[in-house]
Amino acid sequence: MALGLEKAGFAAVALVEIDSHACATLRANRPSWNVLEADVRTLDPVGYEGVELFAGGVPCPPFSVAGKQLGADDDRDLFPTALDMIERIRPKSVFLENVPGFAASRFLGYRRALATRLNELGYWVDWAVLNASDYGVPQLRPRFILVALQERFVPFFEWPAKEPAEQTVGECLADLMGQGGWPEASSWADGANGIAPTLVGGSKKHGGADLGPTRARAAWSKLGVNGLSLADAPPGPDFPSETMPRLTLRMTARVQGFPDSWRLSGGKTAAYRQVGNALPPPVAEAVGRSLANALMRETPVRRSGQQLSLQAQMA
């Protein structure tokens, strides 16, 4: 998210992250960024009042179909913390993301409660489920995106236009798959002629450096990829042609939309967790540009039904 928002023109005032490896990654790639290694629930937001944008990836386990979907009853639910910080900071805009499961009907009451609180704080609220493949990423990866704006900026906001991925998985990874001298790399790329399923990064409690549960691995298999684990290096000259190759960490990062120059800290599992749990930078950039456009009051847009009811906004 931070990388995508940087590309959209935002300068990071502070980045709060509890994972030490993720903090090391941020510092390694952007030494000038103010990275705070802390539990956001303990952070005092004094000094950050009135920022242009409050953005965050709220932990997804409370709403993920892979979990128990406890919502507000899950102690990892940080939406209340985000709302408390928004009330104290009063940013001009808000950008929160979560798993698409949060759009399910069972969480309708929760979404309406969020909207009510934000409305009371003076924000217009809207949400959408965006697919990464609609914003240049060769991966499906649907994400729930919530945006909120102070009323004076609302007439200038529109959701980003779709720019479908131009590459298949094979086209995206052909050069990396052939780096080790595997003579079948080109043939493999021709066969991997689809969009990747959602990368699953796992958590500290569950999951390692693999491409996800059974269903995800089956989807990767159709693209000619062994999803049981990640490889330390691309296949070499003697790699059997009848065997499906595994992806390397760098390959997964590229499928997620990270530039090859982005360095990842920690061991393979810790580094892959950062990749698999990330909001693809191109998606963050697309939403960030729409918000930046509204904040600069450029290109007014006539939105049909702009004065949405609370139920319509968060239904």
C-alpha atoms as a PDB file:
ATOM      1  CA  MET A   1       0.000   0.000   0.000  1.00  0.00           C
ATOM      2  CA  ALA A   2       2.786   2.436   0.932  1.00  0.00           C
ATOM      3  CA  LEU A   3       4.618   1.835  -2.343  1.00  0.00           C
ATOM      4  CA  GLY A   4       1.464   2.269  -4.431  1.00  0.00           C
ATOM      5  CA  LEU A   5       0.487   5.455  -2.612  1.00  0.00           C
ATOM      6  CA  GLU A   6       3.989   6.831  -3.140  1.00  0.00           C
ATOM      7  CA  LYS A   7       3.546   6.286  -6.875  1.00  0.00           C
ATOM      8  CA  ALA A   8       0.198   8.060  -6.638  1.00  0.00           C
ATOM      9  CA  GLY A   9       1.957  11.140  -5.282  1.00  0.00           C
ATOM     10  CA  PHE A  10       1.569  10.786  -1.514  1.00  0.00           C
ATOM     11  CA  ALA A  11       4.550  11.290   0.827  1.00  0.00           C
ATOM     12  CA  ALA A  12       4.489   8.996   3.857  1.00  0.00           C
ATOM     13  CA  VAL A  13       4.419  10.876   7.165  1.00  0.00           C
ATOM     14  CA  ALA A  14       4.464   7.674   9.225  1.00  0.00           C
ATOM     15  CA  LEU A  15       4.191   3.955   8.506  1.00  0.00           C
ATOM     16  CA  VAL A  16       3.053   1.781  11.409  1.00  0.00           C
ATOM     17  CA  GLU A  17       3.896  -1.922  11.194  1.00  0.00           C
ATOM     18  CA  ILE A  18       4.123  -4.543  13.940  1.00  0.00           C
ATOM     19  CA  ASP A  19       6.142  -7.147  12.011  1.00  0.00           C
ATOM     20  CA  SER A  20       9.897  -6.657  12.383  1.00  0.00           C
ATOM     21  CA  HIS A  21      10.703  -8.199   8.989  1.00  0.00           C
ATOM     22  CA  ALA A  22       8.196  -5.951   7.214  1.00  0.00           C
ATOM     23  CA  CYS A  23       9.685  -2.936   8.996  1.00  0.00           C
ATOM     24  CA  ALA A  24      13.154  -3.979   7.846  1.00  0.00           C
ATOM     25  CA  THR A  25      11.851  -4.259   4.276  1.00  0.00           C
ATOM     26  CA  LEU A  26      10.352  -0.767   4.370  1.00  0.00           C
ATOM     27  CA  ARG A  27      13.541   0.724   5.788  1.00  0.00           C
ATOM     28  CA  ALA A  28      15.759  -1.113   3.296  1.00  0.00           C
ATOM     29  CA  ASN A  29      13.811   0.176   0.318  1.00  0.00           C
ATOM     30  CA  ARG A  30      12.971   3.660   1.595  1.00  0.00           C
ATOM     31  CA  PRO A  31      15.478   4.809   4.244  1.00  0.00           C
ATOM     32  CA  SER A  32      13.779   8.202   4.401  1.00  0.00           C
ATOM     33  CA  TRP A  33      10.404   6.779   5.437  1.00  0.00           C
ATOM     34  CA  ASN A  34       9.356   7.169   9.073  1.00  0.00           C
ATOM     35  CA  VAL A  35       8.733   3.515   9.946  1.00  0.00           C
ATOM     36  CA  LEU A  36       7.273   2.897  13.397  1.00  0.00           C
ATOM     37  CA  GLU A  37       7.589  -0.696  14.602  1.00  0.00           C
ATOM     38  CA  ALA A  38       4.637  -0.838  16.958  1.00  0.00           C
ATOM     39  CA  ASP A  39       1.196  -2.236  17.665  1.00  0.00           C
ATOM     40  CA  VAL A  40      -1.096   0.396  16.165  1.00  0.00           C
ATOM     41  CA  ARG A  41      -3.385   0.015  19.184  1.00  0.00           C
ATOM     42  CA  THR A  42      -0.671   1.533  21.374  1.00  0.00           C
ATOM     43  CA  LEU A  43       0.206   4.415  19.053  1.00  0.00           C
ATOM     44  CA  ASP A  44      -0.437   7.997  20.115  1.00  0.00           C
ATOM     45  CA  PRO A  45      -1.489   9.868  16.937  1.00  0.00           C
ATOM     46  CA  VAL A  46      -0.671  13.302  18.340  1.00  0.00           C
ATOM     47  CA  GLY A  47       1.247  15.286  15.738  1.00  0.00           C
ATOM     48  CA  TYR A  48      -0.427  13.705  12.737  1.00  0.00           C
ATOM     49  CA  GLU A  49      -3.620  15.724  12.811  1.00  0.00           C
ATOM     50  CA  GLY A  50      -5.005  16.942   9.498  1.00  0.00           C
ATOM     51  CA  VAL A  51      -3.012  14.684   7.181  1.00  0.00           C
ATOM     52  CA  GLU A  52      -4.255  14.292   3.627  1.00  0.00           C
ATOM     53  CA  LEU A  53      -4.832  10.549   3.898  1.00  0.00           C
ATOM     54  CA  PHE A  54      -5.232   7.863   6.555  1.00  0.00           C
ATOM     55  CA  ALA A  55      -4.653   4.462   4.911  1.00  0.00           C
ATOM     56  CA  GLY A  56      -4.357   0.948   6.229  1.00  0.00           C
ATOM     57  CA  GLY A  57      -4.739  -2.734   5.581  1.00  0.00           C
ATOM     58  CA  VAL A  58      -6.942  -3.850   8.468  1.00  0.00           C
ATOM     59  CA  PRO A  59      -6.104  -7.453   9.538  1.00  0.00           C
ATOM     60  CA  CYS A  60      -8.266  -9.814   7.506  1.00  0.00           C
ATOM     61  CA  PRO A  61      -8.709 -12.980   9.670  1.00  0.00           C
ATOM     62  CA  PRO A  62     -11.932 -11.709  11.314  1.00  0.00           C
ATOM     63  CA  PHE A  63     -13.600 -11.580   7.873  1.00  0.00           C
ATOM     64  CA  SER A  64     -11.725 -14.169   5.793  1.00  0.00           C
ATOM     65  CA  VAL A  65     -13.533 -17.233   4.462  1.00  0.00           C
ATOM     66  CA  ALA A  66     -10.385 -19.137   5.432  1.00  0.00           C
ATOM     67  CA  GLY A  67     -11.071 -18.314   9.080  1.00  0.00           C
ATOM     68  CA  LYS A  68     -14.007 -18.436  11.480  1.00  0.00           C
ATOM     69  CA  GLN A  69     -15.359 -15.046  10.342  1.00  0.00           C
ATOM     70  CA  LEU A  70     -15.902 -13.816  13.889  1.00  0.00           C
ATOM     71  CA  GLY A  71     -15.925 -10.164  12.785  1.00  0.00           C
ATOM     72  CA  ALA A  72     -16.237  -7.835  15.756  1.00  0.00           C
ATOM     73  CA  ASP A  73     -15.846 -10.798  18.134  1.00  0.00           C
ATOM     74  CA  ASP A  74     -12.296 -11.419  16.878  1.00  0.00           C
ATOM     75  CA  ASP A  75      -9.594  -9.696  18.957  1.00  0.00           C
ATOM     76  CA  ARG A  76      -7.678  -9.047  15.736  1.00  0.00           C
ATOM     77  CA  ASP A  77     -10.398  -6.724  14.453  1.00  0.00           C
ATOM     78  CA  LEU A  78      -8.705  -3.325  14.204  1.00  0.00           C
ATOM     79  CA  PHE A  79     -11.514  -1.368  12.564  1.00  0.00           C
ATOM     80  CA  PRO A  80     -12.416   0.175  15.961  1.00  0.00           C
ATOM     81  CA  THR A  81      -8.797   1.279  16.371  1.00  0.00           C
ATOM     82  CA  ALA A  82      -8.803   2.789  12.888  1.00  0.00           C
ATOM     83  CA  LEU A  83     -12.010   4.692  13.618  1.00  0.00           C
ATOM     84  CA  ASP A  84     -10.641   6.033  16.896  1.00  0.00           C
ATOM     85  CA  MET A  85      -7.497   7.253  15.140  1.00  0.00           C
ATOM     86  CA  ILE A  86      -9.521   8.835  12.336  1.00  0.00           C
ATOM     87  CA  GLU A  87     -11.589  10.691  14.947  1.00  0.00           C
ATOM     88  CA  ARG A  88      -8.427  12.073  16.551  1.00  0.00           C
ATOM     89  CA  ILE A  89      -6.453  12.794  13.368  1.00  0.00           C
ATOM     90  CA  ARG A  90      -9.350  13.995  11.185  1.00  0.00           C
ATOM     91  CA  PRO A  91      -7.630  13.256   7.851  1.00  0.00           C
ATOM     92  CA  LYS A  92      -9.073  14.679   4.659  1.00  0.00           C
ATOM     93  CA  SER A  93      -9.533  11.185   3.243  1.00  0.00           C
ATOM     94  CA  VAL A  94      -9.509   7.528   4.324  1.00  0.00           C
ATOM     95  CA  PHE A  95      -8.494   4.362   2.446  1.00  0.00           C
ATOM     96  CA  LEU A  96      -8.995   0.991   4.180  1.00  0.00           C
ATOM     97  CA  GLU A  97      -8.730  -2.441   2.603  1.00  0.00           C
ATOM     98  CA  ASN A  98      -9.709  -5.958   3.598  1.00  0.00           C
ATOM     99  CA  VAL A  99     -10.591  -9.358   2.152  1.00  0.00           C
ATOM    100  CA  PRO A 100     -13.614  -9.608  -0.185  1.00  0.00           C
ATOM    101  CA  GLY A 101     -15.341 -11.680   2.488  1.00  0.00           C
ATOM    102  CA  PHE A 102     -16.031  -8.409   4.302  1.00  0.00           C
ATOM    103  CA  ALA A 103     -18.541  -7.617   1.540  1.00  0.00           C
ATOM    104  CA  ALA A 104     -20.636 -10.657   2.509  1.00  0.00           C
ATOM    105  CA  SER A 105     -24.203 -10.167   3.678  1.00  0.00           C
ATOM    106  CA  ARG A 106     -23.372 -11.462   7.163  1.00  0.00           C
ATOM    107  CA  PHE A 107     -21.259  -8.345   7.747  1.00  0.00           C
ATOM    108  CA  LEU A 108     -23.884  -5.875   6.501  1.00  0.00           C
ATOM    109  CA  GLY A 109     -24.600  -4.633  10.020  1.00  0.00           C
ATOM    110  CA  TYR A 110     -20.910  -4.184  10.705  1.00  0.00           C
ATOM    111  CA  ARG A 111     -20.399  -2.218   7.471  1.00  0.00           C
ATOM    112  CA  ARG A 112     -23.357   0.030   8.272  1.00  0.00           C
ATOM    113  CA  ALA A 113     -21.977   0.670  11.752  1.00  0.00           C
ATOM    114  CA  LEU A 114     -18.653   1.726  10.195  1.00  0.00           C
ATOM    115  CA  ALA A 115     -20.439   4.054   7.791  1.00  0.00           C
ATOM    116  CA  THR A 116     -22.538   5.538  10.584  1.00  0.00           C
ATOM    117  CA  ARG A 117     -19.468   6.337  12.641  1.00  0.00           C
ATOM    118  CA  LEU A 118     -17.666   7.878   9.680  1.00  0.00           C
ATOM    119  CA  ASN A 119     -20.778   9.852   8.692  1.00  0.00           C
ATOM    120  CA  GLU A 120     -20.954  11.218  12.234  1.00  0.00           C
ATOM    121  CA  LEU A 121     -17.336  12.330  11.881  1.00  0.00           C
ATOM    122  CA  GLY A 122     -18.246  14.247   8.722  1.00  0.00           C
ATOM    123  CA  TYR A 123     -17.191  11.777   6.020  1.00  0.00           C
ATOM    124  CA  TRP A 124     -18.954  10.517   2.905  1.00  0.00           C
ATOM    125  CA  VAL A 125     -18.357   6.757   2.601  1.00  0.00           C
ATOM    126  CA  ASP A 126     -18.311   4.312  -0.281  1.00  0.00           C
ATOM    127  CA  TRP A 127     -16.836   0.893  -0.951  1.00  0.00           C
ATOM    128  CA  ALA A 128     -16.135  -1.527  -3.776  1.00  0.00           C
ATOM    129  CA  VAL A 129     -14.546  -4.915  -4.351  1.00  0.00           C
ATOM    130  CA  LEU A 130     -11.690  -4.412  -6.820  1.00  0.00           C
ATOM    131  CA  ASN A 131      -9.876  -7.199  -8.659  1.00  0.00           C
ATOM    132  CA  ALA A 132      -6.138  -6.761  -9.026  1.00  0.00           C
ATOM    133  CA  SER A 133      -6.373  -8.139 -12.573  1.00  0.00           C
ATOM    134  CA  ASP A 134      -8.400  -5.046 -13.515  1.00  0.00           C
ATOM    135  CA  TYR A 135      -5.462  -2.813 -12.591  1.00  0.00           C
ATOM    136  CA  GLY A 136      -2.553  -4.343 -14.470  1.00  0.00           C
ATOM    137  CA  VAL A 137      -1.734  -7.236 -12.122  1.00  0.00           C
ATOM    138  CA  PRO A 138      -1.718 -10.774 -13.620  1.00  0.00           C
ATOM    139  CA  GLN A 139      -3.585 -12.121 -10.599  1.00  0.00           C
ATOM    140  CA  LEU A 140      -7.256 -12.161  -9.607  1.00  0.00           C
ATOM    141  CA  ARG A 141      -6.898 -11.033  -5.971  1.00  0.00           C
ATOM    142  CA  PRO A 142     -10.205  -9.318  -5.193  1.00  0.00           C
ATOM    143  CA  ARG A 143     -10.026  -6.845  -2.287  1.00  0.00           C
ATOM    144  CA  PHE A 144     -12.630  -4.905  -0.343  1.00  0.00           C
ATOM    145  CA  ILE A 145     -11.751  -1.208  -0.578  1.00  0.00           C
ATOM    146  CA  LEU A 146     -13.407   1.432   1.602  1.00  0.00           C
ATOM    147  CA  VAL A 147     -12.900   5.126   0.916  1.00  0.00           C
ATOM    148  CA  ALA A 148     -14.130   8.087   2.915  1.00  0.00           C
ATOM    149  CA  LEU A 149     -13.835  11.776   2.110  1.00  0.00           C
ATOM    150  CA  GLN A 150     -14.671  15.030   3.780  1.00  0.00           C
ATOM    151  CA  GLU A 151     -17.765  16.393   2.075  1.00  0.00           C
ATOM    152  CA  ARG A 152     -16.050  19.175   0.139  1.00  0.00           C
ATOM    153  CA  PHE A 153     -14.002  16.665  -1.850  1.00  0.00           C
ATOM    154  CA  VAL A 154     -16.803  14.244  -2.732  1.00  0.00           C
ATOM    155  CA  PRO A 155     -17.822  15.841  -6.085  1.00  0.00           C
ATOM    156  CA  PHE A 156     -14.278  15.266  -7.361  1.00  0.00           C
ATOM    157  CA  PHE A 157     -13.977  11.557  -6.550  1.00  0.00           C
ATOM    158  CA  GLU A 158     -14.559   8.627  -8.867  1.00  0.00           C
ATOM    159  CA  TRP A 159     -13.382   5.057  -8.606  1.00  0.00           C
ATOM    160  CA  PRO A 160     -10.356   4.303 -10.816  1.00  0.00           C
ATOM    161  CA  ALA A 161     -11.060   3.121 -14.330  1.00  0.00           C
ATOM    162  CA  LYS A 162     -10.216  -0.497 -15.038  1.00  0.00           C
ATOM    163  CA  GLU A 163      -6.971  -1.262 -16.858  1.00  0.00           C
ATOM    164  CA  PRO A 164      -6.980  -5.065 -17.304  1.00  0.00           C
ATOM    165  CA  ALA A 165      -3.731  -6.979 -17.013  1.00  0.00           C
ATOM    166  CA  GLU A 166      -1.932  -7.118 -20.332  1.00  0.00           C
ATOM    167  CA  GLN A 167       0.197 -10.121 -19.385  1.00  0.00           C
ATOM    168  CA  THR A 168      -0.518 -13.727 -18.566  1.00  0.00           C
ATOM    169  CA  VAL A 169       1.419 -15.458 -15.796  1.00  0.00           C
ATOM    170  CA  GLY A 170       3.679 -16.991 -18.419  1.00  0.00           C
ATOM    171  CA  GLU A 171       4.431 -13.661 -20.094  1.00  0.00           C
ATOM    172  CA  CYS A 172       5.015 -12.054 -16.697  1.00  0.00           C
ATOM    173  CA  LEU A 173       7.465 -14.698 -15.476  1.00  0.00           C
ATOM    174  CA  ALA A 174       9.069 -16.098 -18.641  1.00  0.00           C
ATOM    175  CA  ASP A 175      12.424 -14.344 -18.151  1.00  0.00           C
ATOM    176  CA  LEU A 176      12.652 -15.239 -14.469  1.00  0.00           C
ATOM    177  CA  MET A 177      11.693 -18.857 -15.138  1.00  0.00           C
ATOM    178  CA  GLY A 178      14.478 -19.083 -17.732  1.00  0.00           C
ATOM    179  CA  GLN A 179      17.221 -17.425 -15.667  1.00  0.00           C
ATOM    180  CA  GLY A 180      18.613 -20.758 -14.522  1.00  0.00           C
ATOM    181  CA  GLY A 181      19.037 -22.063 -18.053  1.00  0.00           C
ATOM    182  CA  TRP A 182      15.939 -24.261 -18.160  1.00  0.00           C
ATOM    183  CA  PRO A 183      15.399 -25.031 -21.881  1.00  0.00           C
ATOM    184  CA  GLU A 184      11.638 -25.516 -21.382  1.00  0.00           C
ATOM    185  CA  ALA A 185      11.033 -22.038 -19.960  1.00  0.00           C
ATOM    186  CA  SER A 186       9.572 -20.643 -23.179  1.00  0.00           C
ATOM    187  CA  SER A 187       7.300 -23.638 -23.633  1.00  0.00           C
ATOM    188  CA  TRP A 188       6.184 -23.359 -20.018  1.00  0.00           C
ATOM    189  CA  ALA A 189       5.378 -19.672 -20.507  1.00  0.00           C
ATOM    190  CA  ASP A 190       3.225 -20.472 -23.532  1.00  0.00           C
ATOM    191  CA  GLY A 191       1.228 -22.925 -21.426  1.00  0.00           C
ATOM    192  CA  ALA A 192       0.827 -20.582 -18.457  1.00  0.00           C
ATOM    193  CA  ASN A 193      -1.539 -18.447 -20.499  1.00  0.00           C
ATOM    194  CA  GLY A 194      -3.923 -17.295 -17.788  1.00  0.00           C
ATOM    195  CA  ILE A 195      -4.270 -15.048 -14.766  1.00  0.00           C
ATOM    196  CA  ALA A 196      -2.939 -16.292 -11.442  1.00  0.00           C
ATOM    197  CA  PRO A 197      -5.210 -17.162  -8.530  1.00  0.00           C
ATOM    198  CA  THR A 198      -4.889 -15.122  -5.350  1.00  0.00           C
ATOM    199  CA  LEU A 199      -1.511 -15.516  -3.663  1.00  0.00           C
ATOM    200  CA  VAL A 200      -1.903 -16.625  -0.056  1.00  0.00           C
ATOM    201  CA  GLY A 201       0.860 -15.524   2.292  1.00  0.00           C
ATOM    202  CA  GLY A 202      -0.172 -17.262   5.477  1.00  0.00           C
ATOM    203  CA  SER A 203       0.098 -15.927   9.011  1.00  0.00           C
ATOM    204  CA  LYS A 204       2.492 -16.437  11.887  1.00  0.00           C
ATOM    205  CA  LYS A 205       0.142 -19.082  13.251  1.00  0.00           C
ATOM    206  CA  HIS A 206      -0.579 -20.881   9.992  1.00  0.00           C
ATOM    207  CA  GLY A 207       0.993 -21.317   6.589  1.00  0.00           C
ATOM    208  CA  GLY A 208       4.495 -21.393   5.214  1.00  0.00           C
ATOM    209  CA  ALA A 209       6.130 -20.536   1.927  1.00  0.00           C
ATOM    210  CA  ASP A 210       3.581 -22.211  -0.336  1.00  0.00           C
ATOM    211  CA  LEU A 211       0.937 -20.959  -2.737  1.00  0.00           C
ATOM    212  CA  GLY A 212      -2.030 -21.610  -0.513  1.00  0.00           C
ATOM    213  CA  PRO A 213      -4.648 -24.279   0.238  1.00  0.00           C
ATOM    214  CA  THR A 214      -5.715 -27.133  -2.011  1.00  0.00           C
ATOM    215  CA  ARG A 215      -7.998 -25.079  -4.258  1.00  0.00           C
ATOM    216  CA  ALA A 216      -5.303 -22.461  -4.902  1.00  0.00           C
ATOM    217  CA  ARG A 217      -2.703 -25.113  -5.642  1.00  0.00           C
ATOM    218  CA  ALA A 218      -5.062 -26.765  -8.107  1.00  0.00           C
ATOM    219  CA  ALA A 219      -5.471 -23.437  -9.927  1.00  0.00           C
ATOM    220  CA  TRP A 220      -1.710 -22.992 -10.038  1.00  0.00           C
ATOM    221  CA  SER A 221      -1.343 -26.527 -11.365  1.00  0.00           C
ATOM    222  CA  LYS A 222      -3.475 -25.579 -14.372  1.00  0.00           C
ATOM    223  CA  LEU A 223      -0.855 -22.912 -15.078  1.00  0.00           C
ATOM    224  CA  GLY A 224       1.935 -25.481 -14.881  1.00  0.00           C
ATOM    225  CA  VAL A 225       3.139 -24.471 -11.413  1.00  0.00           C
ATOM    226  CA  ASN A 226       3.809 -26.699  -8.419  1.00  0.00           C
ATOM    227  CA  GLY A 227       2.306 -24.790  -5.503  1.00  0.00           C
ATOM    228  CA  LEU A 228       3.443 -27.016  -2.651  1.00  0.00           C
ATOM    229  CA  SER A 229       6.376 -24.739  -1.810  1.00  0.00           C
ATOM    230  CA  LEU A 230       8.619 -22.001  -3.173  1.00  0.00           C
ATOM    231  CA  ALA A 231      11.910 -22.740  -4.892  1.00  0.00           C
ATOM    232  CA  ASP A 232      15.183 -21.165  -3.837  1.00  0.00           C
ATOM    233  CA  ALA A 233      16.173 -20.716  -7.484  1.00  0.00           C
ATOM    234  CA  PRO A 234      14.597 -21.064 -10.946  1.00  0.00           C
ATOM    235  CA  PRO A 235      14.864 -24.458 -12.661  1.00  0.00           C
ATOM    236  CA  GLY A 236      18.253 -25.285 -14.135  1.00  0.00           C
ATOM    237  CA  PRO A 237      19.381 -26.902 -17.411  1.00  0.00           C
ATOM    238  CA  ASP A 238      18.679 -30.430 -16.156  1.00  0.00           C
ATOM    239  CA  PHE A 239      15.246 -29.756 -14.686  1.00  0.00           C
ATOM    240  CA  PRO A 240      12.897 -32.513 -16.002  1.00  0.00           C
ATOM    241  CA  SER A 241      10.529 -31.257 -18.688  1.00  0.00           C
ATOM    242  CA  GLU A 242       7.691 -33.401 -17.333  1.00  0.00           C
ATOM    243  CA  THR A 243       7.944 -31.846 -13.853  1.00  0.00           C
ATOM    244  CA  MET A 244       6.096 -28.665 -12.938  1.00  0.00           C
ATOM    245  CA  PRO A 245       8.432 -25.900 -11.727  1.00  0.00           C
ATOM    246  CA  ARG A 246       7.927 -24.002  -8.503  1.00  0.00           C
ATOM    247  CA  LEU A 247       7.895 -20.219  -8.217  1.00  0.00           C
ATOM    248  CA  THR A 248      10.708 -18.356  -6.511  1.00  0.00           C
ATOM    249  CA  LEU A 249      10.136 -15.565  -4.031  1.00  0.00           C
ATOM    250  CA  ARG A 250      11.019 -12.994  -6.705  1.00  0.00           C
ATOM    251  CA  MET A 251       8.459 -14.514  -9.065  1.00  0.00           C
ATOM    252  CA  THR A 252       5.677 -14.230  -6.474  1.00  0.00           C
ATOM    253  CA  ALA A 253       6.633 -10.614  -5.800  1.00  0.00           C
ATOM    254  CA  ARG A 254       6.390  -9.789  -9.501  1.00  0.00           C
ATOM    255  CA  VAL A 255       2.986 -11.521  -9.781  1.00  0.00           C
ATOM    256  CA  GLN A 256       1.877  -9.356  -6.843  1.00  0.00           C
ATOM    257  CA  GLY A 257       2.928  -6.200  -8.682  1.00  0.00           C
ATOM    258  CA  PHE A 258       6.187  -5.382  -6.906  1.00  0.00           C
ATOM    259  CA  PRO A 259       9.100  -4.067  -8.996  1.00  0.00           C
ATOM    260  CA  ASP A 260      12.122  -6.361  -9.199  1.00  0.00           C
ATOM    261  CA  SER A 261      14.134  -3.713  -7.353  1.00  0.00           C
ATOM    262  CA  TRP A 262      12.015  -4.152  -4.204  1.00  0.00           C
ATOM    263  CA  ARG A 263      14.101  -5.971  -1.582  1.00  0.00           C
ATOM    264  CA  LEU A 264      12.454  -8.299   0.933  1.00  0.00           C
ATOM    265  CA  SER A 265      13.874  -8.840   4.419  1.00  0.00           C
ATOM    266  CA  GLY A 266      13.773 -12.012   6.489  1.00  0.00           C
ATOM    267  CA  GLY A 267      13.883 -15.701   5.615  1.00  0.00           C
ATOM    268  CA  LYS A 268      11.858 -17.210   2.794  1.00  0.00           C
ATOM    269  CA  THR A 269       8.718 -17.751   4.866  1.00  0.00           C
ATOM    270  CA  ALA A 270       8.831 -14.292   6.479  1.00  0.00           C
ATOM    271  CA  ALA A 271       9.546 -12.611   3.145  1.00  0.00           C
ATOM    272  CA  TYR A 272       6.813 -14.502   1.311  1.00  0.00           C
ATOM    273  CA  ARG A 273       4.341 -13.612   4.054  1.00  0.00           C
ATOM    274  CA  GLN A 274       4.979  -9.955   3.220  1.00  0.00           C
ATOM    275  CA  VAL A 275       4.333 -10.608  -0.472  1.00  0.00           C
ATOM    276  CA  GLY A 276       1.277 -12.803  -0.046  1.00  0.00           C
ATOM    277  CA  ASN A 277      -0.432 -10.514   2.468  1.00  0.00           C
ATOM    278  CA  ALA A 278       0.216  -7.289   0.563  1.00  0.00           C
ATOM    279  CA  LEU A 279      -2.231  -5.133  -1.305  1.00  0.00           C
ATOM    280  CA  PRO A 280      -0.760  -5.136  -4.843  1.00  0.00           C
ATOM    281  CA  PRO A 281       1.025  -1.792  -5.326  1.00  0.00           C
ATOM    282  CA  PRO A 282      -0.741  -1.081  -8.664  1.00  0.00           C
ATOM    283  CA  VAL A 283      -4.141  -1.371  -6.941  1.00  0.00           C
ATOM    284  CA  ALA A 284      -3.052   0.983  -4.154  1.00  0.00           C
ATOM    285  CA  GLU A 285      -1.708   3.373  -6.771  1.00  0.00           C
ATOM    286  CA  ALA A 286      -4.973   3.370  -8.738  1.00  0.00           C
ATOM    287  CA  VAL A 287      -7.096   4.107  -5.673  1.00  0.00           C
ATOM    288  CA  GLY A 288      -4.510   6.598  -4.427  1.00  0.00           C
ATOM    289  CA  ARG A 289      -4.630   8.551  -7.685  1.00  0.00           C
ATOM    290  CA  SER A 290      -8.412   8.787  -7.458  1.00  0.00           C
ATOM    291  CA  LEU A 291      -8.163  10.113  -3.915  1.00  0.00           C
ATOM    292  CA  ALA A 292      -5.342  12.508  -4.811  1.00  0.00           C
ATOM    293  CA  ASN A 293      -7.394  13.781  -7.718  1.00  0.00           C
ATOM    294  CA  ALA A 294     -10.307  14.508  -5.381  1.00  0.00           C
ATOM    295  CA  LEU A 295      -8.090  16.181  -2.782  1.00  0.00           C
ATOM    296  CA  MET A 296      -6.646  18.473  -5.448  1.00  0.00           C
ATOM    297  CA  ARG A 297     -10.217  19.164  -6.635  1.00  0.00           C
ATOM    298  CA  GLU A 298      -9.458  18.258 -10.212  1.00  0.00           C
ATOM    299  CA  THR A 299     -11.713  16.852 -12.926  1.00  0.00           C
ATOM    300  CA  PRO A 300     -15.146  17.232 -11.330  1.00  0.00           C
ATOM    301  CA  VAL A 301     -17.261  14.173 -11.913  1.00  0.00           C
ATOM    302  CA  ARG A 302     -21.042  14.085 -12.010  1.00  0.00           C
ATOM    303  CA  ARG A 303     -21.829  10.973 -10.022  1.00  0.00           C
ATOM    304  CA  SER A 304     -25.309   9.594 -10.533  1.00  0.00           C
ATOM    305  CA  GLY A 305     -26.917   9.086  -7.160  1.00  0.00           C
ATOM    306  CA  GLN A 306     -24.111  10.950  -5.405  1.00  0.00           C
ATOM    307  CA  GLN A 307     -26.215  11.637  -2.330  1.00  0.00           C
ATOM    308  CA  LEU A 308     -26.363   7.977  -1.415  1.00  0.00           C
ATOM    309  CA  SER A 309     -28.243   6.812   1.621  1.00  0.00           C
ATOM    310  CA  LEU A 310     -26.306   5.079   4.372  1.00  0.00           C
ATOM    311  CA  GLN A 311     -27.872   1.767   3.401  1.00  0.00           C
ATOM    312  CA  ALA A 312     -26.897   2.233  -0.247  1.00  0.00           C
ATOM    313  CA  GLN A 313     -23.362   3.268   0.637  1.00  0.00           C
ATOM    314  CA  MET A 314     -22.583   0.261   2.803  1.00  0.00           C
ATOM    315  CA  ALA A 315     -25.110  -2.363   1.754  1.00  0.00           C
END
